[in-house]
Amino acid sequence: MPSKKVYWFPAKTYGWGWGLPSVWQGWLVYGIAFVLLVAGFFIFPPTAEPVIFQIYIWAVLLILVAICWVKGEPPRWRWGK
């Protein structure tokens, strides 16, 4: 019998999207994304290179959403349990 699929990011109870991670792999992804976002302030200072900084931040966030999309519950609008 196939085992139940374990999602890294469970769906939120209300609305669209994902909640907090349910396994360590999800927390690792969140941690790496946080470190990359903070590092962006030092690698591309927003006052010196605002466009490159914004592109970098958007890239990190889009990769995070892509990982949530692949490893999380299928996204759909939820009205509660």
PDB file of N, CA and C in Angstrom:
ATOM      1  N   MET A   1       0.829  -1.184   0.000  1.00  0.00           N
ATOM      2  CA  MET A   1       0.000   0.000   0.000  1.00  0.00           C
ATOM      3  C   MET A   1       0.872   1.246   0.000  1.00  0.00           C
ATOM      4  N   PRO A   2       0.478   2.249  -0.751  1.00  0.00           N
ATOM      5  CA  PRO A   2       1.258   3.485  -0.726  1.00  0.00           C
ATOM      6  C   PRO A   2       1.068   4.213   0.604  1.00  0.00           C
ATOM      7  N   SER A   3       2.175   4.734   1.109  1.00  0.00           N
ATOM      8  CA  SER A   3       2.080   5.484   2.363  1.00  0.00           C
ATOM      9  C   SER A   3       1.559   6.892   2.085  1.00  0.00           C
ATOM     10  N   LYS A   4       1.018   7.510   3.124  1.00  0.00           N
ATOM     11  CA  LYS A   4       0.472   8.857   2.979  1.00  0.00           C
ATOM     12  C   LYS A   4       1.608   9.831   2.695  1.00  0.00           C
ATOM     13  N   LYS A   5       1.406  10.715   1.739  1.00  0.00           N
ATOM     14  CA  LYS A   5       2.431  11.682   1.371  1.00  0.00           C
ATOM     15  C   LYS A   5       2.606  12.700   2.492  1.00  0.00           C
ATOM     16  N   VAL A   6       3.855  12.934   2.873  1.00  0.00           N
ATOM     17  CA  VAL A   6       4.156  13.907   3.921  1.00  0.00           C
ATOM     18  C   VAL A   6       4.514  15.224   3.248  1.00  0.00           C
ATOM     19  N   TYR A   7       3.726  16.236   3.521  1.00  0.00           N
ATOM     20  CA  TYR A   7       3.980  17.556   2.963  1.00  0.00           C
ATOM     21  C   TYR A   7       4.897  18.333   3.898  1.00  0.00           C
ATOM     22  N   TRP A   8       5.851  19.040   3.324  1.00  0.00           N
ATOM     23  CA  TRP A   8       6.739  19.883   4.128  1.00  0.00           C
ATOM     24  C   TRP A   8       5.982  21.100   4.633  1.00  0.00           C
ATOM     25  N   PHE A   9       5.056  21.588   3.824  1.00  0.00           N
ATOM     26  CA  PHE A   9       4.312  22.804   4.147  1.00  0.00           C
ATOM     27  C   PHE A   9       2.818  22.514   4.055  1.00  0.00           C
ATOM     28  N   PRO A  10       2.137  22.357   5.195  1.00  0.00           N
ATOM     29  CA  PRO A  10       0.693  22.114   5.144  1.00  0.00           C
ATOM     30  C   PRO A  10      -0.056  23.381   4.732  1.00  0.00           C
ATOM     31  N   ALA A  11      -1.243  23.180   4.230  1.00  0.00           N
ATOM     32  CA  ALA A  11      -2.063  24.318   3.803  1.00  0.00           C
ATOM     33  C   ALA A  11      -2.561  25.098   5.010  1.00  0.00           C
ATOM     34  N   LYS A  12      -2.756  26.398   4.804  1.00  0.00           N
ATOM     35  CA  LYS A  12      -3.358  27.225   5.848  1.00  0.00           C
ATOM     36  C   LYS A  12      -4.822  26.823   6.009  1.00  0.00           C
ATOM     37  N   THR A  13      -5.358  27.050   7.200  1.00  0.00           N
ATOM     38  CA  THR A  13      -6.761  26.719   7.444  1.00  0.00           C
ATOM     39  C   THR A  13      -7.690  27.661   6.700  1.00  0.00           C
ATOM     40  N   TYR A  14      -7.339  28.928   6.672  1.00  0.00           N
ATOM     41  CA  TYR A  14      -8.149  29.935   5.989  1.00  0.00           C
ATOM     42  C   TYR A  14      -7.303  30.631   4.933  1.00  0.00           C
ATOM     43  N   GLY A  15      -7.882  30.834   3.759  1.00  0.00           N
ATOM     44  CA  GLY A  15      -7.178  31.554   2.708  1.00  0.00           C
ATOM     45  C   GLY A  15      -6.425  30.634   1.772  1.00  0.00           C
ATOM     46  N   TRP A  16      -5.488  31.227   1.047  1.00  0.00           N
ATOM     47  CA  TRP A  16      -4.719  30.512   0.042  1.00  0.00           C
ATOM     48  C   TRP A  16      -3.266  30.497   0.473  1.00  0.00           C
ATOM     49  N   GLY A  17      -2.610  29.373   0.338  1.00  0.00           N
ATOM     50  CA  GLY A  17      -1.186  29.317   0.640  1.00  0.00           C
ATOM     51  C   GLY A  17      -0.851  28.273   1.683  1.00  0.00           C
ATOM     52  N   TRP A  18       0.345  28.416   2.240  1.00  0.00           N
ATOM     53  CA  TRP A  18       0.876  27.416   3.151  1.00  0.00           C
ATOM     54  C   TRP A  18       1.157  28.028   4.509  1.00  0.00           C
ATOM     55  N   GLY A  19       1.078  27.179   5.515  1.00  0.00           N
ATOM     56  CA  GLY A  19       1.374  27.603   6.876  1.00  0.00           C
ATOM     57  C   GLY A  19       2.821  27.307   7.237  1.00  0.00           C
ATOM     58  N   LEU A  20       3.077  27.189   8.522  1.00  0.00           N
ATOM     59  CA  LEU A  20       4.426  26.882   8.984  1.00  0.00           C
ATOM     60  C   LEU A  20       4.787  25.444   8.626  1.00  0.00           C
ATOM     61  N   PRO A  21       6.064  25.169   8.434  1.00  0.00           N
ATOM     62  CA  PRO A  21       6.491  23.815   8.060  1.00  0.00           C
ATOM     63  C   PRO A  21       6.107  22.780   9.115  1.00  0.00           C
ATOM     64  N   SER A  22       5.905  21.549   8.651  1.00  0.00           N
ATOM     65  CA  SER A  22       5.547  20.469   9.563  1.00  0.00           C
ATOM     66  C   SER A  22       6.677  19.465   9.748  1.00  0.00           C
ATOM     67  N   VAL A  23       7.740  19.583   8.976  1.00  0.00           N
ATOM     68  CA  VAL A  23       8.898  18.688   9.094  1.00  0.00           C
ATOM     69  C   VAL A  23      10.174  19.522   9.082  1.00  0.00           C
ATOM     70  N   TRP A  24      11.277  18.890   9.479  1.00  0.00           N
ATOM     71  CA  TRP A  24      12.527  19.633   9.596  1.00  0.00           C
ATOM     72  C   TRP A  24      13.011  20.167   8.256  1.00  0.00           C
ATOM     73  N   GLN A  25      12.714  19.475   7.160  1.00  0.00           N
ATOM     74  CA  GLN A  25      13.154  19.942   5.849  1.00  0.00           C
ATOM     75  C   GLN A  25      12.531  21.293   5.512  1.00  0.00           C
ATOM     76  N   GLY A  26      11.277  21.474   5.873  1.00  0.00           N
ATOM     77  CA  GLY A  26      10.618  22.755   5.641  1.00  0.00           C
ATOM     78  C   GLY A  26      11.234  23.863   6.464  1.00  0.00           C
ATOM     79  N   TRP A  27      11.556  23.557   7.725  1.00  0.00           N
ATOM     80  CA  TRP A  27      12.210  24.560   8.571  1.00  0.00           C
ATOM     81  C   TRP A  27      13.590  24.903   8.026  1.00  0.00           C
ATOM     82  N   LEU A  28      14.285  23.915   7.474  1.00  0.00           N
ATOM     83  CA  LEU A  28      15.593  24.181   6.865  1.00  0.00           C
ATOM     84  C   LEU A  28      15.451  25.121   5.671  1.00  0.00           C
ATOM     85  N   VAL A  29      14.443  24.891   4.845  1.00  0.00           N
ATOM     86  CA  VAL A  29      14.195  25.770   3.696  1.00  0.00           C
ATOM     87  C   VAL A  29      13.895  27.187   4.172  1.00  0.00           C
ATOM     88  N   TYR A  30      13.041  27.331   5.190  1.00  0.00           N
ATOM     89  CA  TYR A  30      12.746  28.660   5.740  1.00  0.00           C
ATOM     90  C   TYR A  30      14.009  29.316   6.289  1.00  0.00           C
ATOM     91  N   GLY A  31      14.837  28.540   6.980  1.00  0.00           N
ATOM     92  CA  GLY A  31      16.068  29.082   7.546  1.00  0.00           C
ATOM     93  C   GLY A  31      17.034  29.563   6.485  1.00  0.00           C
ATOM     94  N   ILE A  32      17.203  28.769   5.432  1.00  0.00           N
ATOM     95  CA  ILE A  32      18.089  29.165   4.333  1.00  0.00           C
ATOM     96  C   ILE A  32      17.556  30.414   3.650  1.00  0.00           C
ATOM     97  N   ALA A  33      16.253  30.468   3.426  1.00  0.00           N
ATOM     98  CA  ALA A  33      15.663  31.659   2.798  1.00  0.00           C
ATOM     99  C   ALA A  33      15.888  32.888   3.669  1.00  0.00           C
ATOM    100  N   PHE A  34      15.727  32.744   4.986  1.00  0.00           N
ATOM    101  CA  PHE A  34      15.946  33.870   5.899  1.00  0.00           C
ATOM    102  C   PHE A  34      17.394  34.348   5.835  1.00  0.00           C
ATOM    103  N   VAL A  35      18.337  33.408   5.866  1.00  0.00           N
ATOM    104  CA  VAL A  35      19.759  33.774   5.794  1.00  0.00           C
ATOM    105  C   VAL A  35      20.061  34.467   4.471  1.00  0.00           C
ATOM    106  N   LEU A  36      19.514  33.964   3.374  1.00  0.00           N
ATOM    107  CA  LEU A  36      19.750  34.593   2.069  1.00  0.00           C
ATOM    108  C   LEU A  36      19.145  35.991   2.005  1.00  0.00           C
ATOM    109  N   LEU A  37      17.965  36.170   2.589  1.00  0.00           N
ATOM    110  CA  LEU A  37      17.344  37.497   2.589  1.00  0.00           C
ATOM    111  C   LEU A  37      18.162  38.491   3.406  1.00  0.00           C
ATOM    112  N   VAL A  38      18.639  38.077   4.566  1.00  0.00           N
ATOM    113  CA  VAL A  38      19.468  38.964   5.393  1.00  0.00           C
ATOM    114  C   VAL A  38      20.799  39.239   4.708  1.00  0.00           C
ATOM    115  N   ALA A  39      21.388  38.210   4.096  1.00  0.00           N
ATOM    116  CA  ALA A  39      22.667  38.392   3.403  1.00  0.00           C
ATOM    117  C   ALA A  39      22.537  39.371   2.248  1.00  0.00           C
ATOM    118  N   GLY A  40      21.362  39.447   1.647  1.00  0.00           N
ATOM    119  CA  GLY A  40      21.148  40.374   0.542  1.00  0.00           C
ATOM    120  C   GLY A  40      21.392  41.820   0.927  1.00  0.00           C
ATOM    121  N   PHE A  41      21.117  42.165   2.179  1.00  0.00           N
ATOM    122  CA  PHE A  41      21.362  43.531   2.644  1.00  0.00           C
ATOM    123  C   PHE A  41      22.849  43.860   2.663  1.00  0.00           C
ATOM    124  N   PHE A  42      23.688  42.863   2.864  1.00  0.00           N
ATOM    125  CA  PHE A  42      25.130  43.085   2.920  1.00  0.00           C
ATOM    126  C   PHE A  42      25.799  42.892   1.561  1.00  0.00           C
ATOM    127  N   ILE A  43      25.286  41.951   0.771  1.00  0.00           N
ATOM    128  CA  ILE A  43      25.871  41.695  -0.550  1.00  0.00           C
ATOM    129  C   ILE A  43      25.504  42.802  -1.529  1.00  0.00           C
ATOM    130  N   PHE A  44      24.239  43.177  -1.532  1.00  0.00           N
ATOM    131  CA  PHE A  44      23.742  44.239  -2.417  1.00  0.00           C
ATOM    132  C   PHE A  44      23.080  45.317  -1.561  1.00  0.00           C
ATOM    133  N   PRO A  45      23.838  46.254  -1.014  1.00  0.00           N
ATOM    134  CA  PRO A  45      23.226  47.282  -0.158  1.00  0.00           C
ATOM    135  C   PRO A  45      22.107  48.019  -0.899  1.00  0.00           C
ATOM    136  N   PRO A  46      20.920  48.098  -0.289  1.00  0.00           N
ATOM    137  CA  PRO A  46      19.780  48.710  -0.979  1.00  0.00           C
ATOM    138  C   PRO A  46      19.999  50.176  -1.332  1.00  0.00           C
ATOM    139  N   THR A  47      20.822  50.872  -0.568  1.00  0.00           N
ATOM    140  CA  THR A  47      21.064  52.283  -0.885  1.00  0.00           C
ATOM    141  C   THR A  47      22.032  52.441  -2.042  1.00  0.00           C
ATOM    142  N   ALA A  48      22.949  51.487  -2.211  1.00  0.00           N
ATOM    143  CA  ALA A  48      23.943  51.582  -3.281  1.00  0.00           C
ATOM    144  C   ALA A  48      23.450  50.954  -4.582  1.00  0.00           C
ATOM    145  N   GLU A  49      22.768  49.810  -4.471  1.00  0.00           N
ATOM    146  CA  GLU A  49      22.313  49.078  -5.658  1.00  0.00           C
ATOM    147  C   GLU A  49      20.848  48.659  -5.480  1.00  0.00           C
ATOM    148  N   PRO A  50      19.918  49.599  -5.557  1.00  0.00           N
ATOM    149  CA  PRO A  50      18.518  49.254  -5.256  1.00  0.00           C
ATOM    150  C   PRO A  50      17.887  48.279  -6.248  1.00  0.00           C
ATOM    151  N   VAL A  51      18.210  48.396  -7.514  1.00  0.00           N
ATOM    152  CA  VAL A  51      17.581  47.516  -8.514  1.00  0.00           C
ATOM    153  C   VAL A  51      18.098  46.091  -8.365  1.00  0.00           C
ATOM    154  N   ILE A  52      19.400  45.937  -8.225  1.00  0.00           N
ATOM    155  CA  ILE A  52      19.977  44.597  -8.061  1.00  0.00           C
ATOM    156  C   ILE A  52      19.489  43.971  -6.755  1.00  0.00           C
ATOM    157  N   PHE A  53      19.410  44.783  -5.705  1.00  0.00           N
ATOM    158  CA  PHE A  53      18.903  44.297  -4.422  1.00  0.00           C
ATOM    159  C   PHE A  53      17.472  43.787  -4.573  1.00  0.00           C
ATOM    160  N   GLN A  54      16.625  44.535  -5.249  1.00  0.00           N
ATOM    161  CA  GLN A  54      15.230  44.126  -5.422  1.00  0.00           C
ATOM    162  C   GLN A  54      15.129  42.858  -6.269  1.00  0.00           C
ATOM    163  N   ILE A  55      15.921  42.756  -7.316  1.00  0.00           N
ATOM    164  CA  ILE A  55      15.921  41.540  -8.139  1.00  0.00           C
ATOM    165  C   ILE A  55      16.348  40.337  -7.311  1.00  0.00           C
ATOM    166  N   TYR A  56      17.370  40.517  -6.479  1.00  0.00           N
ATOM    167  CA  TYR A  56      17.858  39.437  -5.618  1.00  0.00           C
ATOM    168  C   TYR A  56      16.769  38.986  -4.639  1.00  0.00           C
ATOM    169  N   ILE A  57      16.121  39.932  -3.979  1.00  0.00           N
ATOM    170  CA  ILE A  57      15.071  39.597  -3.007  1.00  0.00           C
ATOM    171  C   ILE A  57      13.919  38.865  -3.694  1.00  0.00           C
ATOM    172  N   TRP A  58      13.491  39.366  -4.854  1.00  0.00           N
ATOM    173  CA  TRP A  58      12.414  38.705  -5.596  1.00  0.00           C
ATOM    174  C   TRP A  58      12.817  37.292  -6.007  1.00  0.00           C
ATOM    175  N   ALA A  59      14.065  37.100  -6.411  1.00  0.00           N
ATOM    176  CA  ALA A  59      14.533  35.773  -6.815  1.00  0.00           C
ATOM    177  C   ALA A  59      14.475  34.795  -5.642  1.00  0.00           C
ATOM    178  N   VAL A  60      14.951  35.228  -4.473  1.00  0.00           N
ATOM    179  CA  VAL A  60      14.911  34.360  -3.290  1.00  0.00           C
ATOM    180  C   VAL A  60      13.465  34.009  -2.940  1.00  0.00           C
ATOM    181  N   LEU A  61      12.579  34.992  -2.960  1.00  0.00           N
ATOM    182  CA  LEU A  61      11.180  34.738  -2.609  1.00  0.00           C
ATOM    183  C   LEU A  61      10.478  33.844  -3.629  1.00  0.00           C
ATOM    184  N   LEU A  62      10.776  34.030  -4.906  1.00  0.00           N
ATOM    185  CA  LEU A  62      10.164  33.176  -5.933  1.00  0.00           C
ATOM    186  C   LEU A  62      10.642  31.732  -5.811  1.00  0.00           C
ATOM    187  N   ILE A  63      11.915  31.546  -5.476  1.00  0.00           N
ATOM    188  CA  ILE A  63      12.425  30.190  -5.263  1.00  0.00           C
ATOM    189  C   ILE A  63      11.749  29.567  -4.044  1.00  0.00           C
ATOM    190  N   LEU A  64      11.551  30.360  -2.984  1.00  0.00           N
ATOM    191  CA  LEU A  64      10.860  29.859  -1.793  1.00  0.00           C
ATOM    192  C   LEU A  64       9.429  29.440  -2.131  1.00  0.00           C
ATOM    193  N   VAL A  65       8.719  30.244  -2.880  1.00  0.00           N
ATOM    194  CA  VAL A  65       7.347  29.899  -3.274  1.00  0.00           C
ATOM    195  C   VAL A  65       7.340  28.654  -4.158  1.00  0.00           C
ATOM    196  N   ALA A  66       8.319  28.525  -5.048  1.00  0.00           N
ATOM    197  CA  ALA A  66       8.396  27.340  -5.908  1.00  0.00           C
ATOM    198  C   ALA A  66       8.606  26.075  -5.076  1.00  0.00           C
ATOM    199  N   ILE A  67       9.465  26.156  -4.061  1.00  0.00           N
ATOM    200  CA  ILE A  67       9.688  24.995  -3.197  1.00  0.00           C
ATOM    201  C   ILE A  67       8.414  24.674  -2.417  1.00  0.00           C
ATOM    202  N   CYS A  68       7.740  25.686  -1.914  1.00  0.00           N
ATOM    203  CA  CYS A  68       6.468  25.462  -1.207  1.00  0.00           C
ATOM    204  C   CYS A  68       5.439  24.836  -2.135  1.00  0.00           C
ATOM    205  N   TRP A  69       5.413  25.266  -3.370  1.00  0.00           N
ATOM    206  CA  TRP A  69       4.456  24.741  -4.351  1.00  0.00           C
ATOM    207  C   TRP A  69       4.705  23.257  -4.621  1.00  0.00           C
ATOM    208  N   VAL A  70       5.989  22.885  -4.748  1.00  0.00           N
ATOM    209  CA  VAL A  70       6.339  21.500  -5.065  1.00  0.00           C
ATOM    210  C   VAL A  70       6.206  20.594  -3.843  1.00  0.00           C
ATOM    211  N   LYS A  71       6.647  21.062  -2.682  1.00  0.00           N
ATOM    212  CA  LYS A  71       6.709  20.222  -1.489  1.00  0.00           C
ATOM    213  C   LYS A  71       5.543  20.428  -0.520  1.00  0.00           C
ATOM    214  N   GLY A  72       4.646  21.352  -0.820  1.00  0.00           N
ATOM    215  CA  GLY A  72       3.519  21.609   0.070  1.00  0.00           C
ATOM    216  C   GLY A  72       2.228  21.006  -0.452  1.00  0.00           C
ATOM    217  N   GLU A  73       1.183  21.141   0.366  1.00  0.00           N
ATOM    218  CA  GLU A  73      -0.134  20.690  -0.079  1.00  0.00           C
ATOM    219  C   GLU A  73      -0.554  21.491  -1.299  1.00  0.00           C
ATOM    220  N   PRO A  74      -1.333  20.894  -2.188  1.00  0.00           N
ATOM    221  CA  PRO A  74      -1.787  21.644  -3.365  1.00  0.00           C
ATOM    222  C   PRO A  74      -2.530  22.915  -2.947  1.00  0.00           C
ATOM    223  N   PRO A  75      -2.161  24.048  -3.534  1.00  0.00           N
ATOM    224  CA  PRO A  75      -2.795  25.301  -3.124  1.00  0.00           C
ATOM    225  C   PRO A  75      -4.223  25.429  -3.655  1.00  0.00           C
ATOM    226  N   ARG A  76      -5.093  25.895  -2.803  1.00  0.00           N
ATOM    227  CA  ARG A  76      -6.470  26.228  -3.173  1.00  0.00           C
ATOM    228  C   ARG A  76      -7.035  27.083  -2.053  1.00  0.00           C
ATOM    229  N   TRP A  77      -8.105  27.764  -2.328  1.00  0.00           N
ATOM    230  CA  TRP A  77      -8.726  28.610  -1.320  1.00  0.00           C
ATOM    231  C   TRP A  77      -9.412  27.727  -0.284  1.00  0.00           C
ATOM    232  N   ARG A  78      -9.181  28.011   0.983  1.00  0.00           N
ATOM    233  CA  ARG A  78      -9.768  27.215   2.064  1.00  0.00           C
ATOM    234  C   ARG A  78     -10.598  28.120   2.972  1.00  0.00           C
ATOM    235  N   TRP A  79     -11.756  27.613   3.378  1.00  0.00           N
ATOM    236  CA  TRP A  79     -12.674  28.375   4.222  1.00  0.00           C
ATOM    237  C   TRP A  79     -12.681  27.869   5.652  1.00  0.00           C
ATOM    238  N   GLY A  80     -11.731  27.072   6.035  1.00  0.00           N
ATOM    239  CA  GLY A  80     -11.688  26.503   7.386  1.00  0.00           C
ATOM    240  C   GLY A  80     -11.957  25.018   7.333  1.00  0.00           C
ATOM    241  N   LYS A  81     -12.009  24.414   8.496  1.00  0.00           N
ATOM    242  CA  LYS A  81     -12.185  22.955   8.543  1.00  0.00           C
ATOM    243  C   LYS A  81     -13.625  22.547   8.471  1.00  0.00           C
TER     244      LYS A  81
END
